[in-house]
Amino acid sequence: MLRDSSYGATPRPLVSNSGETYKENPNMKKLSHLAMLLAAFLAPTSFVLAQQQNQAAVQADQDKLVQIVRNATRQYANDPRAATNAGYTPLLGCVSGSDHGAMGIHYVNTSLLNGPVDATQPQALIYEPSSNGKYQLVGVEYIVLASALPANASPEVQGHLMLYVDAPNRYGLGAFYELHVWAWRANPQGSFVDWNDHVSCASK
């Protein structure tokens, strides 16, 4: 069995290029090891911190549009008559999802369907009916007809891309782009998802 003759021997002095000798400092080994451990610890920590900062920025951006919608539609919150006086008309009845959630009753201002898309002027106000006959504003929908836009357009609202809906569709419209914002009713799926499980067409 071969054996390393240096095993168990006293460490030999190291020789530099200049011929000078020096002894290896064991404390330097410890410091180097500690530095490596610290770097290994800080790397994932920095990654998590960057992720958290990015998520915070996204949330702030989402909250900004929700707040814009609230400020722009506060006057319509519990009074559909204010909406009709402003040019909005109820269309399609109460829209329910085929498997979950609902959208509610859309009050649409058809004069805005050809754009431009303005965060303070949504094309539709969305109300949820209640058993006492009153309507409560739960959100809005931005809608712009594709025919009013250049080919291959990518319309957005405050940085949020609108969803393309082809024709024919259940709404009887030509192809269009849309974006829901649930500013007045929390949506467990997110503020910009089409269907809201916390909205119902069954009068409460």
Protein backbone atom coordinates (compact mmCIF):
# COMPACT_ATOMS: atom_id res chain seq x y z
CA MET A 1 0.00 0.00 0.00
CA LEU A 2 1.45 3.36 -1.02
CA ARG A 3 1.71 5.97 1.65
CA ASP A 4 2.25 9.68 1.44
CA SER A 5 5.52 10.31 3.19
CA SER A 6 4.33 13.77 4.17
CA TYR A 7 1.35 12.45 6.12
CA GLY A 8 1.62 13.45 9.77
CA ALA A 9 4.80 15.43 9.14
CA THR A 10 5.34 18.96 10.38
CA PRO A 11 4.27 21.50 7.69
CA ARG A 12 7.29 22.70 5.75
CA PRO A 13 7.98 26.41 5.32
CA LEU A 14 6.76 27.88 2.06
CA VAL A 15 9.35 29.36 -0.28
CA SER A 16 8.58 32.49 -2.33
CA ASN A 17 9.96 33.24 -5.81
CA SER A 18 12.59 35.45 -4.22
CA GLY A 19 13.90 32.57 -2.13
CA GLU A 20 12.48 33.92 1.13
CA THR A 21 10.74 31.45 3.39
CA TYR A 22 7.70 32.03 5.52
CA LYS A 23 5.37 29.93 7.62
CA GLU A 24 1.70 29.50 6.75
CA ASN A 25 -0.50 31.38 9.22
CA PRO A 26 -3.38 29.13 10.41
CA ASN A 27 -5.44 32.26 11.22
CA MET A 28 -5.39 33.21 7.55
CA LYS A 29 -6.96 29.85 6.71
CA LYS A 30 -9.73 30.53 9.22
CA LEU A 31 -10.36 34.00 7.84
CA SER A 32 -10.51 32.68 4.29
CA HIS A 33 -12.96 29.98 5.32
CA LEU A 34 -15.12 32.52 7.13
CA ALA A 35 -15.10 34.79 4.08
CA MET A 36 -16.27 31.91 1.89
CA LEU A 37 -19.07 31.05 4.32
CA LEU A 38 -20.14 34.69 4.50
CA ALA A 39 -20.23 34.97 0.70
CA ALA A 40 -22.29 31.77 0.47
CA PHE A 41 -24.73 33.18 3.02
CA LEU A 42 -25.04 36.63 1.45
CA ALA A 43 -25.58 35.42 -2.13
CA PRO A 44 -29.08 33.94 -1.61
CA THR A 45 -29.93 36.74 0.83
CA SER A 46 -29.18 39.34 -1.85
CA PHE A 47 -31.27 37.39 -4.37
CA VAL A 48 -34.25 37.22 -1.99
CA LEU A 49 -33.91 40.93 -1.22
CA ALA A 50 -33.88 41.77 -4.94
CA GLN A 51 -36.99 39.63 -5.44
CA GLN A 52 -38.78 41.35 -2.58
CA GLN A 53 -37.90 44.77 -3.94
CA ASN A 54 -39.17 43.79 -7.40
CA GLN A 55 -42.43 42.44 -5.95
CA ALA A 56 -42.87 45.63 -3.94
CA ALA A 57 -42.39 47.71 -7.11
CA VAL A 58 -44.96 45.61 -9.01
CA GLN A 59 -47.44 45.90 -6.14
CA ALA A 60 -46.95 49.67 -5.97
CA ASP A 61 -47.60 49.88 -9.73
CA GLN A 62 -50.81 47.86 -9.37
CA ASP A 63 -51.95 49.88 -6.39
CA LYS A 64 -51.37 53.06 -8.40
CA LEU A 65 -53.86 52.09 -11.13
CA VAL A 66 -56.40 50.86 -8.58
CA GLN A 67 -56.18 54.21 -6.80
CA ILE A 68 -56.55 56.12 -10.07
CA VAL A 69 -59.73 54.16 -10.80
CA ARG A 70 -61.12 54.83 -7.34
CA ASN A 71 -60.48 58.54 -7.61
CA ALA A 72 -62.05 58.68 -11.09
CA THR A 73 -65.18 56.65 -10.28
CA ARG A 74 -65.96 57.50 -6.67
CA GLN A 75 -69.03 59.49 -7.74
CA TYR A 76 -70.56 56.35 -9.31
CA ALA A 77 -69.93 54.04 -6.34
CA ASN A 78 -73.50 53.45 -5.18
CA ASP A 79 -75.50 55.40 -7.73
CA PRO A 80 -75.99 53.99 -11.25
CA ARG A 81 -78.04 57.10 -12.05
CA ALA A 82 -74.85 59.13 -11.83
CA ALA A 83 -73.37 56.73 -14.37
CA THR A 84 -76.31 57.10 -16.80
CA ASN A 85 -76.13 60.88 -16.44
CA ALA A 86 -72.49 60.66 -17.49
CA GLY A 87 -73.30 58.69 -20.66
CA TYR A 88 -73.06 55.09 -19.40
CA THR A 89 -75.80 52.60 -20.37
CA PRO A 90 -76.37 49.08 -18.96
CA LEU A 91 -75.65 46.38 -21.55
CA LEU A 92 -75.83 42.58 -21.69
CA GLY A 93 -77.37 42.06 -18.25
CA CYS A 94 -75.30 40.51 -15.48
CA VAL A 95 -72.35 38.57 -16.90
CA SER A 96 -71.41 35.33 -15.07
CA GLY A 97 -68.47 33.06 -15.72
CA SER A 98 -69.08 29.68 -17.33
CA ASP A 99 -67.35 27.85 -14.47
CA HIS A 100 -66.65 30.39 -11.73
CA GLY A 101 -67.08 33.98 -10.66
CA ALA A 102 -68.77 36.83 -12.47
CA MET A 103 -68.17 40.24 -13.94
CA GLY A 104 -71.45 41.90 -13.02
CA ILE A 105 -73.54 44.42 -14.95
CA HIS A 106 -71.59 46.57 -17.39
CA TYR A 107 -72.57 50.19 -17.84
CA VAL A 108 -70.84 51.11 -21.08
CA ASN A 109 -70.11 54.52 -22.55
CA THR A 110 -70.12 53.60 -26.26
CA SER A 111 -68.71 56.99 -27.26
CA LEU A 112 -65.41 55.92 -25.66
CA LEU A 113 -65.02 52.56 -27.45
CA ASN A 114 -62.89 54.04 -30.22
CA GLY A 115 -60.40 55.39 -27.70
CA PRO A 116 -58.21 56.87 -26.65
CA VAL A 117 -57.57 54.77 -23.56
CA ASP A 118 -57.50 57.10 -20.57
CA ALA A 119 -57.03 55.68 -17.05
CA THR A 120 -59.41 58.31 -15.67
CA GLN A 121 -62.16 57.49 -18.20
CA PRO A 122 -62.96 53.75 -18.25
CA GLN A 123 -65.29 52.66 -21.04
CA ALA A 124 -67.38 50.51 -18.67
CA LEU A 125 -68.42 50.66 -15.03
CA ILE A 126 -69.22 47.30 -13.43
CA TYR A 127 -72.00 46.95 -10.85
CA GLU A 128 -73.08 44.02 -8.71
CA PRO A 129 -76.85 43.73 -8.08
CA SER A 130 -78.19 43.11 -4.59
CA SER A 131 -81.48 41.72 -3.29
CA ASN A 132 -82.69 45.16 -2.19
CA GLY A 133 -82.55 46.38 -5.77
CA LYS A 134 -79.46 48.50 -5.25
CA TYR A 135 -76.30 48.26 -7.32
CA GLN A 136 -72.79 48.51 -5.96
CA LEU A 137 -69.81 49.51 -8.10
CA VAL A 138 -67.18 46.75 -7.95
CA GLY A 139 -64.82 47.61 -10.78
CA VAL A 140 -64.32 49.00 -14.27
CA GLU A 141 -63.35 47.71 -17.68
CA TYR A 142 -61.23 49.51 -20.24
CA ILE A 143 -62.37 48.60 -23.76
CA VAL A 144 -61.09 49.77 -27.13
CA LEU A 145 -62.12 48.35 -30.49
CA ALA A 146 -59.26 46.81 -32.46
CA SER A 147 -60.51 48.58 -35.58
CA ALA A 148 -59.71 51.91 -33.93
CA LEU A 149 -56.04 51.00 -33.48
CA PRO A 150 -53.10 50.47 -35.83
CA ALA A 151 -52.32 46.89 -36.86
CA ASN A 152 -50.33 44.92 -34.27
CA ALA A 153 -51.08 47.51 -31.60
CA SER A 154 -50.43 46.65 -27.95
CA PRO A 155 -52.66 49.04 -25.98
CA GLU A 156 -52.08 49.40 -22.26
CA VAL A 157 -53.37 51.25 -19.24
CA GLN A 158 -50.70 52.67 -16.96
CA GLY A 159 -48.27 49.99 -18.13
CA HIS A 160 -50.77 47.11 -17.88
CA LEU A 161 -51.29 45.40 -21.24
CA MET A 162 -54.87 44.97 -22.41
CA LEU A 163 -56.18 41.53 -23.39
CA TYR A 164 -57.19 40.89 -27.00
CA VAL A 165 -60.67 39.39 -27.57
CA ASP A 166 -61.36 38.18 -31.08
CA ALA A 167 -64.68 38.27 -32.94
CA PRO A 168 -67.22 36.77 -32.87
CA ASN A 169 -67.62 36.90 -29.10
CA ARG A 170 -70.38 36.64 -26.51
CA TYR A 171 -70.61 40.44 -26.28
CA GLY A 172 -71.56 40.99 -29.92
CA LEU A 173 -68.65 43.34 -30.49
CA GLY A 174 -65.98 43.35 -33.13
CA ALA A 175 -62.50 42.33 -32.03
CA PHE A 176 -61.42 44.46 -29.08
CA TYR A 177 -58.88 44.90 -26.30
CA GLU A 178 -59.93 45.01 -22.67
CA LEU A 179 -58.61 45.27 -19.11
CA HIS A 180 -60.61 44.82 -15.91
CA VAL A 181 -59.65 46.64 -12.75
CA TRP A 182 -61.37 45.46 -9.57
CA ALA A 183 -60.91 48.69 -7.66
CA TRP A 184 -63.97 48.42 -5.41
CA ARG A 185 -64.11 44.66 -4.74
CA ALA A 186 -61.14 42.48 -3.84
CA ASN A 187 -60.40 39.70 -6.30
CA PRO A 188 -58.58 36.64 -4.91
CA GLN A 189 -57.10 36.03 -8.37
CA GLY A 190 -55.72 39.54 -8.76
CA SER A 191 -56.90 43.08 -9.46
CA PHE A 192 -56.75 42.71 -13.27
CA VAL A 193 -58.22 39.24 -13.84
CA ASP A 194 -61.46 39.09 -15.88
CA TRP A 195 -63.56 36.98 -13.51
CA ASN A 196 -64.04 37.77 -9.84
CA ASP A 197 -65.08 34.99 -7.45
CA HIS A 198 -66.20 37.64 -4.96
CA VAL A 199 -68.77 39.04 -7.42
CA SER A 200 -72.12 37.33 -8.04
CA CYS A 201 -75.07 37.79 -10.36
CA ALA A 202 -77.33 36.12 -7.80
CA SER A 203 -79.00 38.95 -5.90
CA LYS A 204 -77.85 38.83 -2.29
